[in-house]
PDB file of all heavy atoms in Angstrom:
ATOM      1  N   TRP A   1     -37.537 -31.506  49.595  1.00  0.00           N
ATOM      2  CA  TRP A   1     -38.176 -32.711  50.103  1.00  0.00           C
ATOM      3  C   TRP A   1     -37.792 -33.886  49.219  1.00  0.00           C
ATOM      4  O   TRP A   1     -37.422 -33.724  48.059  1.00  0.00           O
ATOM      5  CB  TRP A   1     -39.698 -32.574  50.159  1.00  0.00           C
ATOM      6  CG  TRP A   1     -40.379 -32.501  48.801  1.00  0.00           C
ATOM      7  CD1 TRP A   1     -40.629 -31.376  48.076  1.00  0.00           C
ATOM      8  CD2 TRP A   1     -40.859 -33.596  48.019  1.00  0.00           C
ATOM      9  NE1 TRP A   1     -41.248 -31.690  46.895  1.00  0.00           N
ATOM     10  CE2 TRP A   1     -41.404 -33.048  46.829  1.00  0.00           C
ATOM     11  CE3 TRP A   1     -40.900 -34.973  48.206  1.00  0.00           C
ATOM     12  CZ2 TRP A   1     -41.968 -33.841  45.821  1.00  0.00           C
ATOM     13  CZ3 TRP A   1     -41.456 -35.769  47.204  1.00  0.00           C
ATOM     14  CH2 TRP A   1     -41.988 -35.196  46.044  1.00  0.00           C
ATOM     15  N   GLY A   2     -37.887 -35.062  49.804  1.00  0.00           N
ATOM     16  CA  GLY A   2     -37.612 -36.275  49.046  1.00  0.00           C
ATOM     17  C   GLY A   2     -38.621 -37.344  49.373  1.00  0.00           C
ATOM     18  O   GLY A   2     -39.225 -37.350  50.446  1.00  0.00           O
ATOM     19  N   SER A   3     -38.786 -38.265  48.462  1.00  0.00           N
ATOM     20  CA  SER A   3     -39.729 -39.365  48.674  1.00  0.00           C
ATOM     21  C   SER A   3     -39.039 -40.602  49.234  1.00  0.00           C
ATOM     22  O   SER A   3     -39.693 -41.619  49.464  1.00  0.00           O
ATOM     23  CB  SER A   3     -40.416 -39.722  47.351  1.00  0.00           C
ATOM     24  OG  SER A   3     -39.457 -40.088  46.370  1.00  0.00           O
ATOM     25  N   VAL A   4     -37.707 -40.516  49.469  1.00  0.00           N
ATOM     26  CA  VAL A   4     -36.935 -41.657  49.960  1.00  0.00           C
ATOM     27  C   VAL A   4     -36.457 -41.361  51.383  1.00  0.00           C
ATOM     28  O   VAL A   4     -37.050 -40.544  52.084  1.00  0.00           O
ATOM     29  CB  VAL A   4     -35.760 -41.952  49.010  1.00  0.00           C
ATOM     30  CG1 VAL A   4     -36.279 -42.364  47.635  1.00  0.00           C
ATOM     31  CG2 VAL A   4     -34.831 -40.736  48.873  1.00  0.00           C
ATOM     32  N   ASN A   5     -35.382 -42.005  51.808  1.00  0.00           N
ATOM     33  CA  ASN A   5     -34.878 -41.799  53.166  1.00  0.00           C
ATOM     34  C   ASN A   5     -34.060 -40.510  53.266  1.00  0.00           C
ATOM     35  O   ASN A   5     -33.539 -40.003  52.263  1.00  0.00           O
ATOM     36  CB  ASN A   5     -34.004 -42.978  53.595  1.00  0.00           C
ATOM     37  CG  ASN A   5     -34.767 -44.281  53.629  1.00  0.00           C
ATOM     38  OD1 ASN A   5     -36.001 -44.295  53.749  1.00  0.00           O
ATOM     39  ND2 ASN A   5     -34.046 -45.396  53.526  1.00  0.00           N
ATOM     40  N   ALA A   6     -33.876 -40.050  54.507  1.00  0.00           N
ATOM     41  CA  ALA A   6     -33.156 -38.798  54.734  1.00  0.00           C
ATOM     42  C   ALA A   6     -31.676 -38.892  54.381  1.00  0.00           C
ATOM     43  O   ALA A   6     -31.022 -37.866  54.189  1.00  0.00           O
ATOM     44  CB  ALA A   6     -33.310 -38.359  56.190  1.00  0.00           C
ATOM     45  N   ASP A   7     -31.121 -40.093  54.292  1.00  0.00           N
ATOM     46  CA  ASP A   7     -29.722 -40.231  53.890  1.00  0.00           C
ATOM     47  C   ASP A   7     -29.575 -40.313  52.379  1.00  0.00           C
ATOM     48  O   ASP A   7     -28.478 -40.535  51.865  1.00  0.00           O
ATOM     49  CB  ASP A   7     -29.092 -41.451  54.551  1.00  0.00           C
ATOM     50  CG  ASP A   7     -29.738 -42.764  54.131  1.00  0.00           C
ATOM     51  OD1 ASP A   7     -30.690 -42.748  53.317  1.00  0.00           O
ATOM     52  OD2 ASP A   7     -29.299 -43.828  54.629  1.00  0.00           O
ATOM     53  N   GLY A   8     -30.665 -40.143  51.648  1.00  0.00           N
ATOM     54  CA  GLY A   8     -30.615 -40.166  50.193  1.00  0.00           C
ATOM     55  C   GLY A   8     -30.831 -41.531  49.589  1.00  0.00           C
ATOM     56  O   GLY A   8     -30.965 -41.654  48.373  1.00  0.00           O
ATOM     57  N   GLY A   9     -30.870 -42.562  50.423  1.00  0.00           N
ATOM     58  CA  GLY A   9     -31.029 -43.914  49.924  1.00  0.00           C
ATOM     59  C   GLY A   9     -32.450 -44.419  50.074  1.00  0.00           C
ATOM     60  O   GLY A   9     -33.365 -43.704  50.457  1.00  0.00           O
ATOM     61  N   GLY A  10     -32.595 -45.712  49.788  1.00  0.00           N
ATOM     62  CA  GLY A  10     -33.893 -46.346  49.938  1.00  0.00           C
ATOM     63  C   GLY A  10     -34.788 -46.147  48.737  1.00  0.00           C
ATOM     64  O   GLY A  10     -34.461 -45.429  47.785  1.00  0.00           O
ATOM     65  N   SER A  11     -35.944 -46.773  48.789  1.00  0.00           N
ATOM     66  CA  SER A  11     -36.912 -46.669  47.704  1.00  0.00           C
ATOM     67  C   SER A  11     -37.982 -45.652  48.072  1.00  0.00           C
ATOM     68  O   SER A  11     -38.037 -45.154  49.202  1.00  0.00           O
ATOM     69  CB  SER A  11     -37.551 -48.039  47.443  1.00  0.00           C
ATOM     70  OG  SER A  11     -38.148 -48.549  48.627  1.00  0.00           O
ATOM     71  N   VAL A  12     -38.838 -45.348  47.132  1.00  0.00           N
ATOM     72  CA  VAL A  12     -39.904 -44.371  47.359  1.00  0.00           C
ATOM     73  C   VAL A  12     -40.873 -44.899  48.415  1.00  0.00           C
ATOM     74  O   VAL A  12     -41.380 -46.010  48.305  1.00  0.00           O
ATOM     75  CB  VAL A  12     -40.652 -44.074  46.044  1.00  0.00           C
ATOM     76  CG1 VAL A  12     -41.888 -43.223  46.309  1.00  0.00           C
ATOM     77  CG2 VAL A  12     -39.724 -43.383  45.055  1.00  0.00           C
ATOM     78  N   ALA A  13     -41.104 -44.077  49.441  1.00  0.00           N
ATOM     79  CA  ALA A  13     -42.084 -44.407  50.479  1.00  0.00           C
ATOM     80  C   ALA A  13     -43.446 -43.944  49.979  1.00  0.00           C
ATOM     81  O   ALA A  13     -43.863 -42.809  50.231  1.00  0.00           O
ATOM     82  CB  ALA A  13     -41.712 -43.735  51.792  1.00  0.00           C
ATOM     83  N   VAL A  14     -44.126 -44.802  49.264  1.00  0.00           N
ATOM     84  CA  VAL A  14     -45.296 -44.413  48.481  1.00  0.00           C
ATOM     85  C   VAL A  14     -46.398 -43.803  49.341  1.00  0.00           C
ATOM     86  O   VAL A  14     -46.878 -42.692  49.083  1.00  0.00           O
ATOM     87  CB  VAL A  14     -45.849 -45.620  47.691  1.00  0.00           C
ATOM     88  CG1 VAL A  14     -47.114 -45.224  46.935  1.00  0.00           C
ATOM     89  CG2 VAL A  14     -44.784 -46.139  46.721  1.00  0.00           C
ATOM     90  N   SER A  15     -46.823 -44.499  50.386  1.00  0.00           N
ATOM     91  CA  SER A  15     -47.953 -44.006  51.174  1.00  0.00           C
ATOM     92  C   SER A  15     -47.603 -42.745  51.949  1.00  0.00           C
ATOM     93  O   SER A  15     -48.410 -41.810  52.041  1.00  0.00           O
ATOM     94  CB  SER A  15     -48.449 -45.100  52.122  1.00  0.00           C
ATOM     95  OG  SER A  15     -47.432 -45.484  53.025  1.00  0.00           O
ATOM     96  N   GLU A  16     -46.384 -42.700  52.503  1.00  0.00           N
ATOM     97  CA  GLU A  16     -45.990 -41.517  53.276  1.00  0.00           C
ATOM     98  C   GLU A  16     -45.774 -40.318  52.360  1.00  0.00           C
ATOM     99  O   GLU A  16     -46.114 -39.177  52.716  1.00  0.00           O
ATOM    100  CB  GLU A  16     -44.727 -41.794  54.076  1.00  0.00           C
ATOM    101  CG  GLU A  16     -44.518 -40.869  55.253  1.00  0.00           C
ATOM    102  CD  GLU A  16     -45.664 -40.908  56.257  1.00  0.00           C
ATOM    103  OE1 GLU A  16     -45.904 -41.963  56.864  1.00  0.00           O
ATOM    104  OE2 GLU A  16     -46.313 -39.860  56.426  1.00  0.00           O
ATOM    105  N   ALA A  17     -45.235 -40.548  51.166  1.00  0.00           N
ATOM    106  CA  ALA A  17     -45.093 -39.452  50.205  1.00  0.00           C
ATOM    107  C   ALA A  17     -46.453 -38.906  49.818  1.00  0.00           C
ATOM    108  O   ALA A  17     -46.639 -37.677  49.708  1.00  0.00           O
ATOM    109  CB  ALA A  17     -44.334 -39.931  48.965  1.00  0.00           C
ATOM    110  N   ALA A  18     -47.426 -39.791  49.631  1.00  0.00           N
ATOM    111  CA  ALA A  18     -48.781 -39.345  49.296  1.00  0.00           C
ATOM    112  C   ALA A  18     -49.380 -38.515  50.424  1.00  0.00           C
ATOM    113  O   ALA A  18     -50.063 -37.511  50.191  1.00  0.00           O
ATOM    114  CB  ALA A  18     -49.661 -40.550  48.989  1.00  0.00           C
ATOM    115  N   ALA A  19     -49.118 -38.925  51.671  1.00  0.00           N
ATOM    116  CA  ALA A  19     -49.618 -38.159  52.821  1.00  0.00           C
ATOM    117  C   ALA A  19     -49.010 -36.770  52.845  1.00  0.00           C
ATOM    118  O   ALA A  19     -49.698 -35.779  53.152  1.00  0.00           O
ATOM    119  CB  ALA A  19     -49.312 -38.903  54.114  1.00  0.00           C
ATOM    120  N   TRP A  20     -47.741 -36.672  52.513  1.00  0.00           N
ATOM    121  CA  TRP A  20     -47.086 -35.359  52.467  1.00  0.00           C
ATOM    122  C   TRP A  20     -47.636 -34.505  51.337  1.00  0.00           C
ATOM    123  O   TRP A  20     -47.816 -33.287  51.498  1.00  0.00           O
ATOM    124  CB  TRP A  20     -45.572 -35.529  52.329  1.00  0.00           C
ATOM    125  CG  TRP A  20     -44.860 -35.727  53.625  1.00  0.00           C
ATOM    126  CD1 TRP A  20     -44.277 -36.866  54.084  1.00  0.00           C
ATOM    127  CD2 TRP A  20     -44.644 -34.734  54.636  1.00  0.00           C
ATOM    128  NE1 TRP A  20     -43.715 -36.653  55.322  1.00  0.00           N
ATOM    129  CE2 TRP A  20     -43.917 -35.348  55.680  1.00  0.00           C
ATOM    130  CE3 TRP A  20     -44.980 -33.388  54.756  1.00  0.00           C
ATOM    131  CZ2 TRP A  20     -43.529 -34.660  56.834  1.00  0.00           C
ATOM    132  CZ3 TRP A  20     -44.593 -32.700  55.905  1.00  0.00           C
ATOM    133  CH2 TRP A  20     -43.888 -33.328  56.930  1.00  0.00           C
ATOM    134  N   MET A  21     -47.901 -35.099  50.179  1.00  0.00           N
ATOM    135  CA  MET A  21     -48.468 -34.321  49.075  1.00  0.00           C
ATOM    136  C   MET A  21     -49.821 -33.739  49.478  1.00  0.00           C
ATOM    137  O   MET A  21     -50.121 -32.568  49.203  1.00  0.00           O
ATOM    138  CB  MET A  21     -48.621 -35.191  47.818  1.00  0.00           C
ATOM    139  CG  MET A  21     -47.322 -35.725  47.234  1.00  0.00           C
ATOM    140  SD  MET A  21     -46.015 -34.508  46.977  1.00  0.00           S
ATOM    141  CE  MET A  21     -44.877 -34.930  48.304  1.00  0.00           C
ATOM    142  N   THR A  22     -50.635 -34.553  50.146  1.00  0.00           N
ATOM    143  CA  THR A  22     -51.936 -34.066  50.609  1.00  0.00           C
ATOM    144  C   THR A  22     -51.762 -32.931  51.605  1.00  0.00           C
ATOM    145  O   THR A  22     -52.471 -31.913  51.544  1.00  0.00           O
ATOM    146  CB  THR A  22     -52.740 -35.216  51.245  1.00  0.00           C
ATOM    147  OG1 THR A  22     -52.968 -36.229  50.259  1.00  0.00           O
ATOM    148  CG2 THR A  22     -54.069 -34.720  51.788  1.00  0.00           C
ATOM    149  N   PHE A  23     -50.841 -33.087  52.528  1.00  0.00           N
ATOM    150  CA  PHE A  23     -50.599 -32.054  53.536  1.00  0.00           C
ATOM    151  C   PHE A  23     -50.159 -30.752  52.876  1.00  0.00           C
ATOM    152  O   PHE A  23     -50.638 -29.667  53.241  1.00  0.00           O
ATOM    153  CB  PHE A  23     -49.533 -32.532  54.522  1.00  0.00           C
ATOM    154  CG  PHE A  23     -49.223 -31.555  55.623  1.00  0.00           C
ATOM    155  CD1 PHE A  23     -50.031 -31.475  56.747  1.00  0.00           C
ATOM    156  CD2 PHE A  23     -48.127 -30.716  55.535  1.00  0.00           C
ATOM    157  CE1 PHE A  23     -49.753 -30.570  57.763  1.00  0.00           C
ATOM    158  CE2 PHE A  23     -47.836 -29.805  56.546  1.00  0.00           C
ATOM    159  CZ  PHE A  23     -48.658 -29.735  57.667  1.00  0.00           C
ATOM    160  N   MET A  24     -49.262 -30.842  51.914  1.00  0.00           N
ATOM    161  CA  MET A  24     -48.773 -29.621  51.264  1.00  0.00           C
ATOM    162  C   MET A  24     -49.863 -28.957  50.440  1.00  0.00           C
ATOM    163  O   MET A  24     -49.994 -27.725  50.439  1.00  0.00           O
ATOM    164  CB  MET A  24     -47.544 -29.931  50.401  1.00  0.00           C
ATOM    165  CG  MET A  24     -46.311 -30.290  51.208  1.00  0.00           C
ATOM    166  SD  MET A  24     -44.763 -30.281  50.260  1.00  0.00           S
ATOM    167  CE  MET A  24     -45.027 -31.647  49.123  1.00  0.00           C
ATOM    168  N   LYS A  25     -50.671 -29.746  49.748  1.00  0.00           N
ATOM    169  CA  LYS A  25     -51.750 -29.153  48.965  1.00  0.00           C
ATOM    170  C   LYS A  25     -52.804 -28.525  49.866  1.00  0.00           C
ATOM    171  O   LYS A  25     -53.287 -27.420  49.589  1.00  0.00           O
ATOM    172  CB  LYS A  25     -52.378 -30.206  48.053  1.00  0.00           C
ATOM    173  CG  LYS A  25     -51.484 -30.620  46.894  1.00  0.00           C
ATOM    174  CD  LYS A  25     -52.123 -31.708  46.037  1.00  0.00           C
ATOM    175  CE  LYS A  25     -51.204 -32.109  44.892  1.00  0.00           C
ATOM    176  NZ  LYS A  25     -51.786 -33.198  44.068  1.00  0.00           N
ATOM    177  N   THR A  26     -53.157 -29.207  50.942  1.00  0.00           N
ATOM    178  CA  THR A  26     -54.160 -28.676  51.858  1.00  0.00           C
ATOM    179  C   THR A  26     -53.728 -27.351  52.459  1.00  0.00           C
ATOM    180  O   THR A  26     -54.532 -26.428  52.614  1.00  0.00           O
ATOM    181  CB  THR A  26     -54.439 -29.692  52.985  1.00  0.00           C
ATOM    182  OG1 THR A  26     -54.945 -30.898  52.415  1.00  0.00           O
ATOM    183  CG2 THR A  26     -55.446 -29.141  53.983  1.00  0.00           C
ATOM    184  N   ASN A  27     -52.447 -27.242  52.765  1.00  0.00           N
ATOM    185  CA  ASN A  27     -51.928 -26.045  53.419  1.00  0.00           C
ATOM    186  C   ASN A  27     -51.243 -25.077  52.458  1.00  0.00           C
ATOM    187  O   ASN A  27     -50.635 -24.106  52.899  1.00  0.00           O
ATOM    188  CB  ASN A  27     -50.959 -26.448  54.533  1.00  0.00           C
ATOM    189  CG  ASN A  27     -51.660 -27.117  55.689  1.00  0.00           C
ATOM    190  OD1 ASN A  27     -52.342 -26.476  56.469  1.00  0.00           O
ATOM    191  ND2 ASN A  27     -51.522 -28.447  55.784  1.00  0.00           N
ATOM    192  N   HIS A  28     -51.360 -25.329  51.157  1.00  0.00           N
ATOM    193  CA  HIS A  28     -50.796 -24.447  50.132  1.00  0.00           C
ATOM    194  C   HIS A  28     -49.304 -24.203  50.374  1.00  0.00           C
ATOM    195  O   HIS A  28     -48.843 -23.055  50.384  1.00  0.00           O
ATOM    196  CB  HIS A  28     -51.565 -23.130  50.077  1.00  0.00           C
ATOM    197  CG  HIS A  28     -53.021 -23.293  49.762  1.00  0.00           C
ATOM    198  ND1 HIS A  28     -53.493 -23.471  48.483  1.00  0.00           N
ATOM    199  CD2 HIS A  28     -54.103 -23.338  50.573  1.00  0.00           C
ATOM    200  CE1 HIS A  28     -54.807 -23.601  48.515  1.00  0.00           C
ATOM    201  NE2 HIS A  28     -55.207 -23.535  49.773  1.00  0.00           N
TER     202      HIS A  28
END
C-alpha cells in the first residue's frame, strides 16, 4: 500500500490514508 498516487507520484493523501489505516485496524 502507499499513501500517495497509484503511479508512485504525488504527495501524501493525509485524510484518505488515515481512513485506510482505520479500516485496516478495524478489520485486522
